[in-house]
Amino acid sequence: VVGESGAGKSTLVSLLLRFYDPTGGRIMIDGSDIREASFESLRGQMALVSQEIVIFNQSVADNIACGKLDATREEIIAAAKAANAHEFIESLPEGYDTSLGEQGTRLSGGQRQRIAIARAFVRKAPILILDEATASLDSKAEAEVQGAIDRLEEGRTVVCVAHRLSTLRSMDRIIVLDAGRVVESGGFAELMERDGAFAAMARKQGITSSAV
């Protein structure tokens, strides 16, 4: 899902998570209106990795396990390994038992993101929502995080809100929003060839049709 600032991307994510309900129309998952499901059931089917990561003043293990409160230590470590987080966690003073402080002040931006990805791995939800997950990272940290995200996407339905359009090349379908409405929809190459709103956004980022 892409669009200029204010296009409605964050609103769409909020609707999917049922932070509020649409005033018209319905949101369907597998043919069922999400309003017919309990909040617990709906959110149990989803994992969110966003730009703003909440880190609690608890241990690394507890922060990962908030994705699944009954997670075993083995599950937590497996999730951290899948998220490319195990190595840096092991280097912390007390490993998985290290307290991270308020908002994870001991961690870099890339490390906080990998903790969030580990939460999503341990949750094992079939629907993954990526909301500008790498937008605030530098190129080195983004590369480290992207490999973990690629693994996390396997076998899941992925809704990805992104500013960096180059990260969307492998997506099955790209939806372009403008002022709360869908103005374009299609694959990366298809939208570039169409030379509409998406192609205009891509050119602003130095992406041309020849680079597809």
Protein backbone atom coordinates (compact mmCIF):
# COMPACT_ATOMS: atom_id res chain seq x y z
CA VAL A 1 0.00 0.00 0.00
CA VAL A 2 1.54 3.30 -1.08
CA GLY A 3 0.55 6.94 -1.31
CA GLU A 4 1.71 10.42 -0.49
CA SER A 5 1.54 11.70 3.10
CA GLY A 6 -2.10 11.94 4.18
CA ALA A 7 -3.35 9.53 1.51
CA GLY A 8 -4.91 7.20 4.10
CA LYS A 9 -2.29 4.48 4.60
CA SER A 10 -2.27 4.65 8.41
CA THR A 11 -6.06 4.82 8.44
CA LEU A 12 -6.21 1.60 6.43
CA VAL A 13 -3.95 -0.19 8.93
CA SER A 14 -6.11 1.08 11.81
CA LEU A 15 -9.21 -0.27 10.08
CA LEU A 16 -7.59 -3.68 9.54
CA LEU A 17 -6.70 -3.86 13.23
CA ARG A 18 -10.18 -2.58 14.19
CA PHE A 19 -8.92 0.39 16.13
CA TYR A 20 -12.12 1.77 14.63
CA ASP A 21 -14.74 0.52 12.19
CA PRO A 22 -15.55 1.84 8.70
CA THR A 23 -18.55 4.15 8.40
CA GLY A 24 -19.45 2.47 5.12
CA GLY A 25 -18.64 -0.82 3.44
CA ARG A 26 -17.03 -3.88 5.01
CA ILE A 27 -13.59 -5.38 5.53
CA MET A 28 -13.61 -9.09 4.75
CA ILE A 29 -11.10 -11.81 5.66
CA ASP A 30 -11.74 -15.22 4.09
CA GLY A 31 -15.28 -14.14 3.25
CA SER A 32 -16.18 -13.00 6.77
CA ASP A 33 -16.78 -9.46 8.01
CA ILE A 34 -14.10 -8.71 10.61
CA ARG A 35 -16.75 -7.06 12.81
CA GLU A 36 -18.24 -10.51 13.37
CA ALA A 37 -15.05 -11.70 15.08
CA SER A 38 -14.00 -10.82 18.62
CA PHE A 39 -11.08 -8.42 19.04
CA GLU A 40 -9.05 -11.22 20.61
CA SER A 41 -9.75 -13.61 17.75
CA LEU A 42 -9.07 -11.00 15.04
CA ARG A 43 -5.83 -9.69 16.47
CA GLY A 44 -4.68 -13.21 17.22
CA GLN A 45 -4.61 -13.71 13.45
CA MET A 46 -2.40 -10.66 12.85
CA ALA A 47 1.14 -9.56 13.60
CA LEU A 48 2.20 -5.92 13.23
CA VAL A 49 5.71 -4.60 12.62
CA SER A 50 5.67 -0.82 12.43
CA GLN A 51 8.08 2.09 12.30
CA GLU A 52 7.43 2.94 15.94
CA ILE A 53 8.44 -0.03 18.10
CA VAL A 54 7.31 -0.25 21.72
CA ILE A 55 10.03 -1.73 23.93
CA PHE A 56 9.11 -2.47 27.53
CA ASN A 57 11.39 -2.01 30.54
CA GLN A 58 11.77 -5.77 30.82
CA SER A 59 14.16 -8.46 29.64
CA VAL A 60 14.84 -9.23 25.99
CA ALA A 61 13.02 -12.55 26.39
CA ASP A 62 9.95 -10.87 27.90
CA ASN A 63 9.90 -8.29 25.11
CA ILE A 64 9.89 -11.01 22.46
CA ALA A 65 7.35 -13.12 24.36
CA CYS A 66 4.80 -10.31 24.39
CA GLY A 67 3.96 -11.62 20.92
CA LYS A 68 2.92 -14.89 22.60
CA LEU A 69 2.73 -14.77 26.38
CA ASP A 70 3.12 -18.53 26.86
CA ALA A 71 6.16 -18.81 24.57
CA THR A 72 8.89 -21.14 25.79
CA ARG A 73 12.54 -20.10 25.94
CA GLU A 74 13.20 -22.39 22.97
CA GLU A 75 10.49 -20.64 20.93
CA ILE A 76 11.87 -17.23 21.89
CA ILE A 77 15.41 -18.15 20.82
CA ALA A 78 14.18 -19.71 17.56
CA ALA A 79 12.22 -16.53 16.80
CA ALA A 80 15.25 -14.36 17.56
CA LYS A 81 17.44 -16.45 15.26
CA ALA A 82 14.89 -16.16 12.45
CA ALA A 83 14.82 -12.39 13.01
CA ASN A 84 18.62 -12.06 12.79
CA ALA A 85 18.58 -10.94 16.44
CA HIS A 86 20.20 -13.86 18.27
CA GLU A 87 23.79 -12.76 17.74
CA PHE A 88 23.41 -9.25 19.14
CA ILE A 89 21.21 -10.51 21.99
CA GLU A 90 23.89 -12.99 23.02
CA SER A 91 26.42 -10.12 23.12
CA LEU A 92 24.35 -8.22 25.71
CA PRO A 93 25.55 -8.39 29.36
CA GLU A 94 22.95 -10.97 30.43
CA GLY A 95 21.88 -12.24 27.02
CA TYR A 96 18.15 -12.87 26.82
CA ASP A 97 17.76 -11.83 30.48
CA THR A 98 19.19 -8.33 29.88
CA SER A 99 16.78 -5.54 30.83
CA LEU A 100 16.32 -3.19 27.89
CA GLY A 101 15.29 -0.07 29.82
CA GLU A 102 12.55 2.36 28.91
CA GLN A 103 11.89 2.30 25.15
CA GLY A 104 14.92 0.10 24.56
CA THR A 105 17.52 2.82 25.04
CA ARG A 106 20.26 0.18 24.91
CA LEU A 107 19.31 -0.83 21.38
CA SER A 108 19.88 0.71 17.97
CA GLY A 109 16.96 1.30 15.61
CA GLY A 110 17.79 -1.82 13.63
CA GLN A 111 18.01 -3.91 16.80
CA ARG A 112 14.62 -2.68 18.01
CA GLN A 113 13.12 -3.63 14.65
CA ARG A 114 14.57 -7.12 14.89
CA ILE A 115 13.03 -7.54 18.35
CA ALA A 116 9.67 -6.57 16.80
CA ILE A 117 10.19 -9.07 13.99
CA ALA A 118 11.04 -11.78 16.55
CA ARG A 119 7.72 -11.00 18.26
CA ALA A 120 5.95 -11.58 14.96
CA PHE A 121 7.81 -14.86 14.41
CA VAL A 122 6.90 -16.20 17.85
CA ARG A 123 3.27 -15.13 17.32
CA LYS A 124 2.95 -17.26 14.14
CA ALA A 125 0.03 -15.19 12.87
CA PRO A 126 -1.16 -15.89 9.31
CA ILE A 127 -1.57 -12.17 8.47
CA LEU A 128 1.43 -9.85 8.67
CA ILE A 129 1.10 -6.06 8.59
CA LEU A 130 4.28 -4.11 7.85
CA ASP A 131 3.71 -0.40 8.47
CA GLU A 132 6.75 1.55 7.22
CA ALA A 133 8.84 -1.09 8.99
CA THR A 134 12.22 0.08 7.63
CA ALA A 135 11.44 3.75 6.95
CA SER A 136 13.55 5.18 9.80
CA LEU A 137 16.60 2.95 9.27
CA ASP A 138 19.81 3.77 7.45
CA SER A 139 20.80 1.62 4.47
CA LYS A 140 23.03 -0.73 6.52
CA ALA A 141 20.40 -1.36 9.20
CA GLU A 142 17.69 -1.72 6.55
CA ALA A 143 19.67 -4.45 4.79
CA GLU A 144 20.07 -6.33 8.09
CA VAL A 145 16.35 -6.08 8.85
CA GLN A 146 15.12 -6.81 5.32
CA GLY A 147 16.50 -10.35 5.31
CA ALA A 148 14.52 -11.11 8.46
CA ILE A 149 11.38 -9.56 6.97
CA ASP A 150 11.77 -11.66 3.82
CA ARG A 151 11.76 -14.83 5.96
CA LEU A 152 8.83 -13.56 8.04
CA GLU A 153 6.74 -13.03 4.90
CA GLU A 154 7.01 -16.67 3.80
CA GLY A 155 3.68 -18.50 3.96
CA ARG A 156 1.76 -15.45 5.18
CA THR A 157 -0.64 -12.90 3.76
CA VAL A 158 1.32 -9.64 3.88
CA VAL A 159 -0.05 -6.10 3.92
CA CYS A 160 2.92 -3.77 3.50
CA VAL A 161 2.69 0.00 3.85
CA ALA A 162 5.86 1.47 2.39
CA HIS A 163 7.47 4.74 1.42
CA ARG A 164 10.48 3.22 -0.31
CA LEU A 165 8.88 1.84 -3.45
CA SER A 166 11.93 -0.25 -4.36
CA THR A 167 11.03 -2.61 -1.47
CA LEU A 168 7.75 -3.55 -3.19
CA ARG A 169 9.07 -5.21 -6.34
CA SER A 170 8.14 -8.71 -5.17
CA MET A 171 4.62 -7.83 -4.00
CA ASP A 172 1.75 -9.54 -5.84
CA ARG A 173 -0.39 -6.42 -5.84
CA ILE A 174 0.32 -2.77 -5.11
CA ILE A 175 -2.53 -0.44 -4.11
CA VAL A 176 -2.03 3.29 -4.60
CA LEU A 177 -4.06 5.56 -2.32
CA ASP A 178 -4.85 9.23 -2.80
CA ALA A 179 -7.10 11.22 -0.45
CA GLY A 180 -8.50 8.01 1.02
CA ARG A 181 -9.34 6.39 -2.30
CA VAL A 182 -7.72 3.66 -4.39
CA VAL A 183 -6.49 5.31 -7.59
CA GLU A 184 -4.36 2.47 -8.98
CA SER A 185 -3.82 -1.22 -8.41
CA GLY A 186 -1.52 -3.77 -10.00
CA GLY A 187 1.94 -5.31 -10.03
CA PHE A 188 5.15 -3.24 -9.88
CA ALA A 189 6.04 -3.57 -13.57
CA GLU A 190 2.42 -3.12 -14.63
CA LEU A 191 2.06 0.14 -12.71
CA MET A 192 5.36 1.46 -14.03
CA GLU A 193 4.24 0.76 -17.60
CA ARG A 194 0.89 2.43 -16.93
CA ASP A 195 2.78 5.66 -16.18
CA GLY A 196 0.23 6.94 -13.68
CA ALA A 197 0.36 7.95 -10.03
CA PHE A 198 2.66 5.09 -8.98
CA ALA A 199 5.15 5.74 -11.78
CA ALA A 200 5.23 9.43 -10.85
CA MET A 201 6.03 8.55 -7.23
CA ALA A 202 8.71 6.11 -8.40
CA ARG A 203 10.41 8.75 -10.55
CA LYS A 204 10.66 11.02 -7.49
CA GLN A 205 12.69 8.23 -5.86
CA GLY A 206 14.92 7.78 -8.90
CA ILE A 207 13.19 4.61 -10.09
CA THR A 208 12.54 4.34 -13.81
CA SER A 209 10.84 1.68 -15.91
CA SER A 210 14.23 0.51 -17.15
CA ALA A 211 15.19 -0.31 -13.56
CA VAL A 212 12.27 -2.70 -13.02
